Every structure is written in C-alpha cells, then in structure tokens.
C-alpha atoms as a PDB file:
ATOM      1  CA  MET A   1      19.665  26.235  57.526  1.00  0.00           C
ATOM      2  CA  ASP A   2      20.775  23.652  54.867  1.00  0.00           C
ATOM      3  CA  GLU A   3      17.781  21.973  53.364  1.00  0.00           C
ATOM      4  CA  SER A   4      19.677  19.079  51.613  1.00  0.00           C
ATOM      5  CA  PRO A   5      19.018  16.660  54.351  1.00  0.00           C
ATOM      6  CA  GLN A   6      15.342  17.397  54.190  1.00  0.00           C
ATOM      7  CA  LEU A   7      15.264  17.057  50.345  1.00  0.00           C
ATOM      8  CA  SER A   8      17.363  13.853  50.271  1.00  0.00           C
ATOM      9  CA  GLY A   9      14.305  11.627  50.896  1.00  0.00           C
ATOM     10  CA  ARG A  10      11.689  13.893  49.285  1.00  0.00           C
ATOM     11  CA  PHE A  11      10.999  11.579  46.363  1.00  0.00           C
ATOM     12  CA  LEU A  12      10.725   8.294  48.303  1.00  0.00           C
ATOM     13  CA  PRO A  13       7.431   6.612  47.369  1.00  0.00           C
ATOM     14  CA  SER A  14       6.323   6.393  50.935  1.00  0.00           C
ATOM     15  CA  LYS A  15       6.738  10.134  51.468  1.00  0.00           C
ATOM     16  CA  VAL A  16       5.339  11.164  48.053  1.00  0.00           C
ATOM     17  CA  TYR A  17       2.244   9.009  48.328  1.00  0.00           C
ATOM     18  CA  ALA A  18       1.687  10.036  51.922  1.00  0.00           C
ATOM     19  CA  ARG A  19       1.815  13.748  50.981  1.00  0.00           C
ATOM     20  CA  TRP A  20      -0.498  13.208  47.939  1.00  0.00           C
ATOM     21  CA  LYS A  21      -2.739  10.616  49.538  1.00  0.00           C
ATOM     22  CA  TRP A  22      -5.947  12.096  48.154  1.00  0.00           C
ATOM     23  CA  THR A  23      -4.545  11.866  44.619  1.00  0.00           C
ATOM     24  CA  VAL A  24      -3.660   8.199  45.169  1.00  0.00           C
ATOM     25  CA  ARG A  25      -7.122   7.478  46.549  1.00  0.00           C
ATOM     26  CA  PHE A  26      -8.768   9.195  43.579  1.00  0.00           C
ATOM     27  CA  GLY A  27      -6.611   7.065  41.175  1.00  0.00           C
ATOM     28  CA  LEU A  28      -7.310   3.874  42.929  1.00  0.00           C
ATOM     29  CA  PHE A  29     -11.015   4.217  43.694  1.00  0.00           C
ATOM     30  CA  ALA A  30     -12.843   7.129  41.982  1.00  0.00           C
ATOM     31  CA  MET A  31     -11.087   7.229  38.605  1.00  0.00           C
ATOM     32  CA  PRO A  32     -11.726   3.471  37.701  1.00  0.00           C
ATOM     33  CA  LEU A  33     -15.342   3.877  38.643  1.00  0.00           C
ATOM     34  CA  ILE A  34     -15.758   6.971  36.516  1.00  0.00           C
ATOM     35  CA  LEU A  35     -13.953   5.316  33.550  1.00  0.00           C
ATOM     36  CA  PHE A  36     -16.026   2.163  33.847  1.00  0.00           C
ATOM     37  CA  LEU A  37     -19.292   4.161  33.885  1.00  0.00           C
ATOM     38  CA  VAL A  38     -18.223   6.203  30.887  1.00  0.00           C
ATOM     39  CA  GLY A  39     -17.023   3.148  28.948  1.00  0.00           C
ATOM     40  CA  GLY A  40     -20.155   1.229  29.759  1.00  0.00           C
ATOM     41  CA  PHE A  41     -22.287   4.129  28.660  1.00  0.00           C
ATOM     42  CA  VAL A  42     -20.405   4.387  25.392  1.00  0.00           C
ATOM     43  CA  LEU A  43     -20.723   0.662  24.849  1.00  0.00           C
ATOM     44  CA  TYR A  44     -24.384   0.853  25.526  1.00  0.00           C
ATOM     45  CA  LEU A  45     -24.799   3.610  22.945  1.00  0.00           C
ATOM     46  CA  THR A  46     -22.758   1.753  20.303  1.00  0.00           C
ATOM     47  CA  PRO A  47     -25.228   0.103  17.908  1.00  0.00           C
ATOM     48  CA  THR A  48     -25.007  -3.653  17.449  1.00  0.00           C
ATOM     49  CA  LYS A  49     -23.667  -4.714  14.048  1.00  0.00           C
ATOM     50  CA  TYR A  50     -24.090  -8.027  12.233  1.00  0.00           C
ATOM     51  CA  GLU A  51     -21.806  -9.687   9.666  1.00  0.00           C
ATOM     52  CA  SER A  52     -22.905 -11.540   6.556  1.00  0.00           C
ATOM     53  CA  LYS A  53     -20.446 -13.341   4.273  1.00  0.00           C
ATOM     54  CA  ALA A  54     -20.437 -14.680   0.702  1.00  0.00           C
ATOM     55  CA  VAL A  55     -17.748 -16.767  -0.972  1.00  0.00           C
ATOM     56  CA  PHE A  56     -17.394 -16.861  -4.757  1.00  0.00           C
ATOM     57  CA  ASP A  57     -15.234 -17.746  -7.658  1.00  0.00           C
ATOM     58  CA  TYR A  58     -14.006 -15.157 -10.114  1.00  0.00           C
ATOM     59  CA  ARG A  59     -13.500 -16.268 -13.666  1.00  0.00           C
ATOM     60  CA  GLY A  60     -12.595 -13.116 -15.452  1.00  0.00           C
ATOM     61  CA  SER A  61      -9.207 -11.957 -16.877  1.00  0.00           C
ATOM     62  CA  ARG A  62      -8.184 -10.189 -13.679  1.00  0.00           C
ATOM     63  CA  THR A  63      -6.337 -11.500 -10.712  1.00  0.00           C
ATOM     64  CA  PRO A  64      -8.322 -12.340  -7.539  1.00  0.00           C
ATOM     65  CA  ALA A  65      -6.800  -9.307  -5.755  1.00  0.00           C
ATOM     66  CA  GLU A  66      -7.964  -6.975  -8.609  1.00  0.00           C
ATOM     67  CA  ALA A  67     -11.376  -8.504  -8.561  1.00  0.00           C
ATOM     68  CA  ALA A  68     -11.643  -8.111  -4.735  1.00  0.00           C
ATOM     69  CA  ALA A  69     -10.671  -4.442  -5.200  1.00  0.00           C
ATOM     70  CA  LEU A  70     -13.356  -3.959  -7.667  1.00  0.00           C
ATOM     71  CA  LEU A  71     -15.938  -4.837  -5.083  1.00  0.00           C
ATOM     72  CA  LYS A  72     -15.160  -1.485  -3.409  1.00  0.00           C
ATOM     73  CA  SER A  73     -15.147   0.493  -6.670  1.00  0.00           C
ATOM     74  CA  ARG A  74     -17.749   3.157  -7.193  1.00  0.00           C
ATOM     75  CA  ASN A  75     -19.198   1.427 -10.287  1.00  0.00           C
ATOM     76  CA  VAL A  76     -19.995  -1.834  -8.475  1.00  0.00           C
ATOM     77  CA  GLN A  77     -21.271  -0.173  -5.314  1.00  0.00           C
ATOM     78  CA  VAL A  78     -23.523   2.230  -7.222  1.00  0.00           C
ATOM     79  CA  ASP A  79     -24.940  -0.779  -9.016  1.00  0.00           C
ATOM     80  CA  VAL A  80     -25.612  -2.439  -5.629  1.00  0.00           C
ATOM     81  CA  CYS A  81     -27.270   0.780  -4.395  1.00  0.00           C
ATOM     82  CA  ASP A  82     -29.547   0.868  -7.397  1.00  0.00           C
ATOM     83  CA  ALA A  83     -30.330  -2.868  -7.438  1.00  0.00           C
ATOM     84  CA  LEU A  84     -31.336  -2.853  -3.674  1.00  0.00           C
ATOM     85  CA  GLU A  85     -32.741   0.733  -3.566  1.00  0.00           C
ATOM     86  CA  LEU A  86     -30.460   1.449  -0.570  1.00  0.00           C
ATOM     87  CA  ASN A  87     -30.984   5.155  -0.838  1.00  0.00           C
ATOM     88  CA  LYS A  88     -34.656   4.469   0.052  1.00  0.00           C
ATOM     89  CA  ARG A  89     -34.025   1.749   2.592  1.00  0.00           C
ATOM     90  CA  LEU A  90     -31.405   3.841   4.408  1.00  0.00           C
ATOM     91  CA  ASP A  91     -33.108   7.181   3.759  1.00  0.00           C
ATOM     92  CA  CYS A  92     -30.002   8.976   2.467  1.00  0.00           C
ATOM     93  CA  ASP A  93     -28.515  10.074  -0.813  1.00  0.00           C
ATOM     94  CA  LYS A  94     -26.456   7.750  -3.063  1.00  0.00           C
ATOM     95  CA  GLU A  95     -23.061   9.326  -2.126  1.00  0.00           C
ATOM     96  CA  THR A  96     -23.718   8.519   1.579  1.00  0.00           C
ATOM     97  CA  VAL A  97     -24.728   4.978   0.643  1.00  0.00           C
ATOM     98  CA  VAL A  98     -21.468   4.426  -1.197  1.00  0.00           C
ATOM     99  CA  GLU A  99     -19.511   5.706   1.748  1.00  0.00           C
ATOM    100  CA  VAL A 100     -21.296   3.348   4.058  1.00  0.00           C
ATOM    101  CA  LEU A 101     -20.801   0.387   1.653  1.00  0.00           C
ATOM    102  CA  THR A 102     -17.073   1.145   1.345  1.00  0.00           C
ATOM    103  CA  LYS A 103     -16.659   1.419   5.036  1.00  0.00           C
ATOM    104  CA  ASN A 104     -18.638  -1.733   5.962  1.00  0.00           C
ATOM    105  CA  THR A 105     -17.306  -4.001   3.141  1.00  0.00           C
ATOM    106  CA  GLU A 106     -14.155  -6.228   3.642  1.00  0.00           C
ATOM    107  CA  THR A 107     -12.680  -8.858   1.280  1.00  0.00           C
ATOM    108  CA  ARG A 108     -10.483 -11.808   1.949  1.00  0.00           C
ATOM    109  CA  ILE A 109      -8.775 -14.123  -0.689  1.00  0.00           C
ATOM    110  CA  ASP A 110      -8.087 -17.839  -0.142  1.00  0.00           C
ATOM    111  CA  ALA A 111      -4.509 -18.187  -1.489  1.00  0.00           C
ATOM    112  CA  ALA A 112      -4.970 -21.861  -2.171  1.00  0.00           C
ATOM    113  CA  SER A 113      -8.258 -21.793  -4.141  1.00  0.00           C
ATOM    114  CA  GLY A 114      -8.248 -18.198  -5.244  1.00  0.00           C
ATOM    115  CA  GLN A 115     -11.885 -17.812  -3.918  1.00  0.00           C
ATOM    116  CA  ILE A 116     -12.914 -14.381  -2.637  1.00  0.00           C
ATOM    117  CA  GLU A 117     -14.873 -13.880   0.518  1.00  0.00           C
ATOM    118  CA  VAL A 118     -16.764 -10.712   0.918  1.00  0.00           C
ATOM    119  CA  VAL A 119     -17.855  -9.676   4.469  1.00  0.00           C
ATOM    120  CA  VAL A 120     -20.476  -7.009   4.931  1.00  0.00           C
ATOM    121  CA  THR A 121     -21.158  -5.445   8.360  1.00  0.00           C
ATOM    122  CA  HIS A 122     -24.351  -3.431   9.238  1.00  0.00           C
ATOM    123  CA  VAL A 123     -26.658  -2.731  12.075  1.00  0.00           C
ATOM    124  CA  GLN A 124     -29.523  -4.287  10.043  1.00  0.00           C
ATOM    125  CA  LYS A 125     -28.840  -8.014   9.699  1.00  0.00           C
ATOM    126  CA  GLU A 126     -31.227  -8.410   6.708  1.00  0.00           C
ATOM    127  CA  LEU A 127     -29.558  -5.496   4.921  1.00  0.00           C
ATOM    128  CA  ALA A 128     -26.066  -7.013   5.552  1.00  0.00           C
ATOM    129  CA  ARG A 129     -27.265 -10.321   4.008  1.00  0.00           C
ATOM    130  CA  ASP A 130     -28.812  -8.592   0.975  1.00  0.00           C
ATOM    131  CA  ILE A 131     -25.682  -6.512   0.259  1.00  0.00           C
ATOM    132  CA  ALA A 132     -23.286  -9.498   0.633  1.00  0.00           C
ATOM    133  CA  ALA A 133     -25.476 -11.448  -1.858  1.00  0.00           C
ATOM    134  CA  GLU A 134     -25.724  -8.549  -4.279  1.00  0.00           C
ATOM    135  CA  LEU A 135     -21.990  -7.582  -4.424  1.00  0.00           C
ATOM    136  CA  PRO A 136     -20.815 -10.662  -6.419  1.00  0.00           C
ATOM    137  CA  LYS A 137     -23.846 -10.127  -8.786  1.00  0.00           C
ATOM    138  CA  ALA A 138     -22.908  -6.619  -9.307  1.00  0.00           C
ATOM    139  CA  LEU A 139     -19.289  -7.567  -9.970  1.00  0.00           C
ATOM    140  CA  ASP A 140     -20.502 -10.044 -12.552  1.00  0.00           C
ATOM    141  CA  ARG A 141     -22.758  -7.448 -14.217  1.00  0.00           C
ATOM    142  CA  TYR A 142     -19.823  -5.009 -14.235  1.00  0.00           C
ATOM    143  CA  GLU A 143     -17.373  -7.457 -15.884  1.00  0.00           C
ATOM    144  CA  ALA A 144     -20.111  -8.580 -18.312  1.00  0.00           C
ATOM    145  CA  THR A 145     -20.760  -4.932 -19.337  1.00  0.00           C
ATOM    146  CA  LEU A 146     -17.025  -4.306 -19.964  1.00  0.00           C
ATOM    147  CA  ALA A 147     -16.695  -7.539 -21.975  1.00  0.00           C
ATOM    148  CA  ARG A 148     -19.847  -6.680 -23.966  1.00  0.00           C
ATOM    149  CA  ASN A 149     -18.705  -3.198 -24.669  1.00  0.00           C
ATOM    150  CA  ALA A 150     -15.266  -4.487 -25.844  1.00  0.00           C
ATOM    151  CA  ILE A 151     -16.860  -7.091 -28.129  1.00  0.00           C
ATOM    152  CA  ASN A 152     -19.291  -4.545 -29.524  1.00  0.00           C
ATOM    153  CA  ARG A 153     -16.452  -2.148 -30.315  1.00  0.00           C
ATOM    154  CA  GLN A 154     -14.591  -4.852 -32.155  1.00  0.00           C
ATOM    155  CA  LEU A 155     -17.830  -5.882 -34.011  1.00  0.00           C
ATOM    156  CA  GLU A 156     -18.402  -2.218 -34.993  1.00  0.00           C
ATOM    157  CA  ALA A 157     -14.921  -1.999 -36.386  1.00  0.00           C
ATOM    158  CA  LEU A 158     -15.239  -5.358 -38.246  1.00  0.00           C
ATOM    159  CA  ARG A 159     -18.546  -4.454 -39.758  1.00  0.00           C
ATOM    160  CA  LEU A 160     -17.052  -1.157 -41.035  1.00  0.00           C
ATOM    161  CA  ALA A 161     -14.138  -3.075 -42.487  1.00  0.00           C
ATOM    162  CA  ILE A 162     -16.500  -5.534 -44.092  1.00  0.00           C
ATOM    163  CA  ARG A 163     -18.540  -2.789 -45.683  1.00  0.00           C
ATOM    164  CA  ASN A 164     -15.396  -1.116 -47.016  1.00  0.00           C
ATOM    165  CA  GLY A 165     -13.958  -4.467 -48.110  1.00  0.00           C
ATOM    166  CA  GLU A 166     -17.130  -5.373 -50.040  1.00  0.00           C
ATOM    167  CA  ASP A 167     -17.002  -2.076 -51.875  1.00  0.00           C
ATOM    168  CA  LYS A 168     -13.389  -2.541 -52.780  1.00  0.00           C
ATOM    169  CA  ALA A 169     -14.006  -6.162 -53.796  1.00  0.00           C
ATOM    170  CA  GLY A 170     -16.907  -4.996 -55.953  1.00  0.00           C
ATOM    171  CA  ILE A 171     -14.651  -2.457 -57.636  1.00  0.00           C
ATOM    172  CA  HIS A 172     -11.873  -4.959 -58.232  1.00  0.00           C
ATOM    173  CA  ARG A 173     -14.350  -7.553 -59.638  1.00  0.00           C
ATOM    174  CA  LYS A 174     -15.772  -4.872 -61.991  1.00  0.00           C
ATOM    175  CA  ASP A 175     -12.277  -4.041 -63.178  1.00  0.00           C
ATOM    176  CA  LEU A 176     -11.500  -7.670 -63.652  1.00  0.00           C
ATOM    177  CA  LEU A 177     -14.568  -8.406 -65.731  1.00  0.00           C
ATOM    178  CA  GLN A 178     -14.002  -5.350 -67.854  1.00  0.00           C
ATOM    179  CA  LEU A 179     -10.346  -6.395 -68.481  1.00  0.00           C
ATOM    180  CA  ILE A 180     -11.497  -9.990 -69.400  1.00  0.00           C
ATOM    181  CA  SER A 181     -14.150  -8.647 -71.809  1.00  0.00           C
ATOM    182  CA  VAL A 182     -11.521  -6.639 -73.586  1.00  0.00           C
ATOM    183  CA  ARG A 183      -8.454  -9.056 -73.541  1.00  0.00           C
ATOM    184  CA  GLY A 184     -10.166 -12.377 -72.909  1.00  0.00           C
ATOM    185  CA  GLU A 185     -10.018 -14.645 -69.905  1.00  0.00           C
ATOM    186  CA  HIS A 186      -6.842 -16.331 -71.149  1.00  0.00           C
ATOM    187  CA  PRO A 187      -5.000 -13.830 -73.321  1.00  0.00           C
ATOM    188  CA  THR A 188      -2.080 -15.068 -75.396  1.00  0.00           C
ATOM    189  CA  ASP A 189       0.267 -12.176 -75.065  1.00  0.00           C
ATOM    190  CA  THR A 190       2.334 -11.808 -71.883  1.00  0.00           C
ATOM    191  CA  ALA A 191       1.350  -8.215 -71.020  1.00  0.00           C
ATOM    192  CA  SER A 192      -2.327  -9.030 -71.087  1.00  0.00           C
ATOM    193  CA  GLN A 193      -1.904 -12.178 -69.033  1.00  0.00           C
ATOM    194  CA  LEU A 194      -0.043 -10.168 -66.367  1.00  0.00           C
ATOM    195  CA  ASP A 195      -2.774  -7.525 -66.304  1.00  0.00           C
ATOM    196  CA  VAL A 196      -5.567 -10.076 -65.900  1.00  0.00           C
ATOM    197  CA  THR A 197      -3.615 -12.061 -63.297  1.00  0.00           C
ATOM    198  CA  ALA A 198      -2.879  -8.954 -61.140  1.00  0.00           C
ATOM    199  CA  SER A 199      -6.501  -7.838 -61.435  1.00  0.00           C
ATOM    200  CA  ARG A 200      -7.686 -11.228 -60.372  1.00  0.00           C
ATOM    201  CA  ILE A 201      -5.222 -11.274 -57.399  1.00  0.00           C
ATOM    202  CA  ASP A 202      -6.472  -7.835 -56.177  1.00  0.00           C
ATOM    203  CA  TRP A 203     -10.067  -9.062 -56.235  1.00  0.00           C
ATOM    204  CA  GLU A 204      -9.337 -12.414 -54.618  1.00  0.00           C
ATOM    205  CA  GLN A 205      -7.297 -10.872 -51.765  1.00  0.00           C
ATOM    206  CA  GLU A 206      -9.995  -8.287 -50.977  1.00  0.00           C
ATOM    207  CA  PHE A 207     -12.641 -11.005 -51.140  1.00  0.00           C
ATOM    208  CA  ARG A 208     -10.688 -13.282 -48.752  1.00  0.00           C
ATOM    209  CA  ARG A 209     -10.131 -10.319 -46.387  1.00  0.00           C
ATOM    210  CA  VAL A 210     -13.953  -9.691 -46.329  1.00  0.00           C
ATOM    211  CA  THR A 211     -14.510 -13.429 -45.759  1.00  0.00           C
ATOM    212  CA  ASP A 212     -12.076 -13.469 -42.814  1.00  0.00           C
ATOM    213  CA  ASN A 213     -13.716 -10.467 -41.240  1.00  0.00           C
ATOM    214  CA  LYS A 214     -17.137 -12.041 -41.549  1.00  0.00           C
ATOM    215  CA  SER A 215     -15.850 -15.179 -39.847  1.00  0.00           C
ATOM    216  CA  ARG A 216     -14.337 -13.176 -37.009  1.00  0.00           C
ATOM    217  CA  ALA A 217     -17.551 -11.178 -36.658  1.00  0.00           C
ATOM    218  CA  ALA A 218     -19.511 -14.482 -36.365  1.00  0.00           C
ATOM    219  CA  GLU A 219     -17.156 -15.643 -33.661  1.00  0.00           C
ATOM    220  CA  LEU A 220     -17.601 -12.455 -31.722  1.00  0.00           C
ATOM    221  CA  ASP A 221     -21.359 -12.661 -32.125  1.00  0.00           C
ATOM    222  CA  LEU A 222     -21.199 -16.172 -30.624  1.00  0.00           C
ATOM    223  CA  GLU A 223     -18.910 -15.028 -27.840  1.00  0.00           C
ATOM    224  CA  LEU A 224     -21.355 -12.137 -27.112  1.00  0.00           C
ATOM    225  CA  ALA A 225     -24.213 -14.563 -26.871  1.00  0.00           C
ATOM    226  CA  SER A 226     -22.452 -16.889 -24.498  1.00  0.00           C
ATOM    227  CA  LEU A 227     -20.407 -14.651 -22.086  1.00  0.00           C
ATOM    228  CA  GLY A 228     -21.185 -16.878 -19.147  1.00  0.00           C
ATOM    229  CA  LYS A 229     -20.595 -15.954 -15.479  1.00  0.00           C
ATOM    230  CA  PHE A 230     -17.693 -13.950 -14.226  1.00  0.00           C
ATOM    231  CA  ALA A 231     -18.599 -14.533 -10.501  1.00  0.00           C
ATOM    232  CA  THR A 232     -19.993 -17.892  -9.329  1.00  0.00           C
ATOM    233  CA  VAL A 233     -21.236 -17.854  -5.645  1.00  0.00           C
ATOM    234  CA  HIS A 234     -20.230 -20.928  -3.633  1.00  0.00           C
ATOM    235  CA  THR A 235     -21.526 -19.918  -0.184  1.00  0.00           C
ATOM    236  CA  ASP A 236     -24.661 -17.833  -0.071  1.00  0.00           C
ATOM    237  CA  PRO A 237     -24.875 -15.275   2.719  1.00  0.00           C
ATOM    238  CA  VAL A 238     -27.321 -15.773   5.549  1.00  0.00           C
ATOM    239  CA  ILE A 239     -28.867 -13.564   8.182  1.00  0.00           C
ATOM    240  CA  ALA A 240     -26.462 -13.419  11.128  1.00  0.00           C
ATOM    241  CA  GLN A 241     -27.818 -14.227  14.594  1.00  0.00           C
ATOM    242  CA  ASN A 242     -24.813 -13.137  16.647  1.00  0.00           C
ATOM    243  CA  ARG A 243     -23.290  -9.622  16.735  1.00  0.00           C
ATOM    244  CA  ALA A 244     -20.186  -8.868  14.876  1.00  0.00           C
ATOM    245  CA  GLY A 245     -16.807  -8.346  16.633  1.00  0.00           C
ATOM    246  CA  THR A 246     -16.306  -8.690  20.410  1.00  0.00           C
ATOM    247  CA  LYS A 247     -19.131  -9.992  22.598  1.00  0.00           C
ATOM    248  CA  THR A 248     -20.733  -7.623  25.179  1.00  0.00           C
ATOM    249  CA  GLU A 249     -19.277  -9.653  28.147  1.00  0.00           C
ATOM    250  CA  ASP A 250     -15.816  -9.443  26.659  1.00  0.00           C
ATOM    251  CA  SER A 251     -16.277  -5.737  25.972  1.00  0.00           C
ATOM    252  CA  LEU A 252     -17.230  -5.061  29.558  1.00  0.00           C
ATOM    253  CA  THR A 253     -14.288  -7.073  30.801  1.00  0.00           C
ATOM    254  CA  GLU A 254     -11.998  -5.003  28.609  1.00  0.00           C
ATOM    255  CA  VAL A 255     -13.569  -1.696  29.900  1.00  0.00           C
ATOM    256  CA  SER A 256     -13.165  -2.917  33.518  1.00  0.00           C
ATOM    257  CA  LEU A 257      -9.472  -3.804  33.037  1.00  0.00           C
ATOM    258  CA  GLU A 258      -8.679  -0.623  31.171  1.00  0.00           C
ATOM    259  CA  SER A 259     -10.326   1.424  33.864  1.00  0.00           C
ATOM    260  CA  LEU A 260      -8.325  -0.261  36.652  1.00  0.00           C
ATOM    261  CA  GLY A 261      -5.130   0.094  34.596  1.00  0.00           C
ATOM    262  CA  TYR A 262      -5.611   3.800  33.967  1.00  0.00           C
ATOM    263  CA  GLY A 263      -6.577   4.397  37.646  1.00  0.00           C
ATOM    264  CA  LEU A 264      -3.447   2.593  38.839  1.00  0.00           C
ATOM    265  CA  LEU A 265      -1.285   4.492  36.391  1.00  0.00           C
ATOM    266  CA  PHE A 266      -2.791   7.766  37.640  1.00  0.00           C
ATOM    267  CA  ALA A 267      -2.206   6.848  41.240  1.00  0.00           C
ATOM    268  CA  LEU A 268       1.400   5.922  40.616  1.00  0.00           C
ATOM    269  CA  LEU A 269       2.496   8.785  38.402  1.00  0.00           C
ATOM    270  CA  VAL A 270       0.334  11.909  39.143  1.00  0.00           C
ATOM    271  CA  PRO A 271       1.660  12.320  42.767  1.00  0.00           C
ATOM    272  CA  TYR A 272       5.210  12.575  41.376  1.00  0.00           C
ATOM    273  CA  LEU A 273       4.105  15.155  38.731  1.00  0.00           C
ATOM    274  CA  PHE A 274       2.483  17.203  41.528  1.00  0.00           C
ATOM    275  CA  GLU A 275       5.589  16.863  43.554  1.00  0.00           C
ATOM    276  CA  LEU A 276       7.731  18.111  40.782  1.00  0.00           C
ATOM    277  CA  ALA A 277       5.293  20.913  39.977  1.00  0.00           C
ATOM    278  CA  CYS A 278       5.267  22.183  43.677  1.00  0.00           C
ATOM    279  CA  PRO A 279       8.912  22.220  44.715  1.00  0.00           C
ATOM    280  CA  ASN A 280       8.613  25.275  46.955  1.00  0.00           C
ATOM    281  CA  HIS A 281       5.827  23.971  49.185  1.00  0.00           C
ATOM    282  CA  ARG A 282       7.769  23.180  52.372  1.00  0.00           C
ATOM    283  CA  ARG A 283       4.801  21.518  53.923  1.00  0.00           C
ATOM    284  CA  PHE A 284       5.177  18.811  51.330  1.00  0.00           C
ATOM    285  CA  ILE A 285       8.859  18.403  52.074  1.00  0.00           C
ATOM    286  CA  THR A 286       9.223  17.896  55.828  1.00  0.00           C
ATOM    287  CA  PRO A 287       6.723  17.920  58.657  1.00  0.00           C
ATOM    288  CA  VAL A 288       6.739  20.969  60.954  1.00  0.00           C
ATOM    289  CA  LYS A 289       8.510  20.310  64.238  1.00  0.00           C
ATOM    290  CA  LYS A 290       6.544  20.925  67.408  1.00  0.00           C
ATOM    291  CA  MET A 291       7.552  24.096  69.230  1.00  0.00           C
ATOM    292  CA  SER A 292       8.528  22.080  72.361  1.00  0.00           C
ATOM    293  CA  THR A 293      11.172  20.128  70.399  1.00  0.00           C
ATOM    294  CA  LEU A 294      12.942  23.098  68.826  1.00  0.00           C
ATOM    295  CA  SER A 295      16.595  23.679  69.771  1.00  0.00           C
ATOM    296  CA  ASP A 296      17.920  26.983  71.008  1.00  0.00           C
ATOM    297  CA  ASP A 297      19.300  27.847  67.585  1.00  0.00           C
ATOM    298  CA  GLU A 298      15.952  27.012  65.934  1.00  0.00           C
ATOM    299  CA  TRP A 299      14.158  29.106  68.550  1.00  0.00           C
ATOM    300  CA  SER A 300      16.426  32.094  67.611  1.00  0.00           C
ATOM    301  CA  LEU A 301      15.732  31.531  63.888  1.00  0.00           C
ATOM    302  CA  THR A 302      12.102  31.287  64.459  1.00  0.00           C
ATOM    303  CA  ALA A 303      12.021  34.437  66.506  1.00  0.00           C
ATOM    304  CA  LYS A 304      14.115  36.281  63.937  1.00  0.00           C
ATOM    305  CA  ASP A 305      11.895  35.222  61.127  1.00  0.00           C
ATOM    306  CA  SER A 306       8.661  35.862  62.779  1.00  0.00           C
ATOM    307  CA  ASP A 307       9.451  38.739  65.158  1.00  0.00           C
ATOM    308  CA  LEU A 308       8.682  36.652  68.123  1.00  0.00           C
ATOM    309  CA  VAL A 309      10.723  36.660  71.274  1.00  0.00           C
ATOM    310  CA  PRO A 310      10.804  33.472  73.543  1.00  0.00           C
ATOM    311  CA  ALA A 311      10.005  33.931  77.160  1.00  0.00           C
ATOM    312  CA  GLY A 312      12.994  35.145  79.180  1.00  0.00           C
ATOM    313  CA  GLY A 313      14.781  36.224  76.086  1.00  0.00           C
ATOM    314  CA  ASN A 314      14.845  40.010  76.940  1.00  0.00           C
ATOM    315  CA  GLY A 315      17.782  39.802  79.182  1.00  0.00           C
END
C-alpha cells in the first residue's frame, strides 16, 4: 500500500508535537526548572567581587597607553606584591599573585585629559582598595628606577671621561710648560711660535672638554636629586560597598529568562529531531485504524501479513 498520503502530513507541527508530547512537556516545564536551579546554584557559589578605582596623571616620557600597559607588567606587579606582602595575605606563591593581579586589573584612558584609570577587582574589598592605591606608586617607582639608572650610567661615563681628560690635560700642560721653558713664552722665530701655539691649543681644548663634562655631570646630579613624580594620583581608591558587575537580582532575572528560552527551544526543535531520527516507526506516522473500520482489501492484507483469516473466509 502506498504510504505517501500518510507521510504527506508527517511533519505538521500539530502531529509532531502530539506524537512527542512528553518531549514538549519536558522542554516547557522540567527543563526550565532544572536550568534555573543549576544556574541559581552556580550563582550562589560564585564569590562576590568588589571594584576599587584610582585615577592618576602620568608625567613620564611614555604615552598614556604605554604607561597603562606597564601597570600589568611583571616588574610593576612584583613590586606591588612585595610592597603589600600579597603572597602572605593571599597565602600563595608570588607567581600566582602576579597571575591574579593581571587577571583582576583593568585600565582605561581618558582621551581628553590623558588621565589613566586603574580598576582592581577582588573578593576582598580592602585588598582591592590597597592594590588600586599601590599600582600607581609602583609605576612611579619603576619609572624613577629606570630614570635613575639611565642618569647613573651617563654619570659613570662622564666621570670616566673627566678622569681621562684631566690626565690628558695634565700631560698637555706639562708639554706646554716644558716647551715654554726651552723656547720662551713668546719666541721670535716662526717655527717656535707655531709649536708653542699648537701645544697651548691642545691643552686648552682638553681643559675645555673636561670643564664641559664637569658641567654636564653637575646637571645630571641635580636632575638625579630632583626626579619628581612620574605618577600623580588625582582620585584615591576607596573601599567599595557594592559588588562589582551585575546585581544579584539582575543575575537571577537573566538566569530565569535563559532557562525559559532554552526550554522553549528544546520543546520546539527536539521533537523534530526525534521525528527525523525515527523514520521507520509507523506508530509515529499514522494512528492504527480500528479493526471494525478496515475495508475488505485491508482485511486481506492484514490476514496475509499476520496469518489470520477473517471469519467466513474459508469458503
């Protein structure tokens, strides 16, 4: 018997959802409840985090973006860890502390003023405040250390040049005095005049070079003594009173809506997937006709298929 008429309406929503009614009921009622309970439990287990913010001005040679990136550098964060003794307060090693700081630290830059805002998130509100306050200080110390090291390197090179220059100037002066003692300070012959003049020029040039290096070294000493601040805090961080991120009420609302949405999606799509996965289940295609409504041809087919003979069919 041709089954195409029976299959023609197989995927009508009314028939599919009627055949898989328990799947629909599970998606509409049980699944949202399960998802809501799981989501609420996860939300309950999620620790509450607090934010603390600090806004500061950067006055170094870098751009604000580069300075903001330095806040997450290992050198700065290790300094914060040492200054606040975070490995003791968090009871973990320094590497773990640096990972926590990197993960929980965010930076924002005000394009108009160039000010940098550092935001620290942590489950301990006091610790979040302390870290946010210490990060600009650590950046200032880091930049001051770099500047101090650069100046010290220049000073070391200048002092070496001054010592060498003083030695050379002493030699040139000794040669000049010896030449003057032999030929006189103002010799009359041209050759002697040229020799004395050349020796005097060598001594004066070396002496001037030593004097310039001493002046430059004095300037660097003054610069080293007055480095100033590289990071000036405008807004000190405070202990947060409200949790960071979404409020609990909003989170529960999101969990409820997501649970209902996934349940509805399950109820709408999964019955069709089951229908496609079970194409040979005839009981899901057409309802079985009652025996009293079968035609003579259907009676014959039924008897042939099931080895049954209708009453009065022996003749």
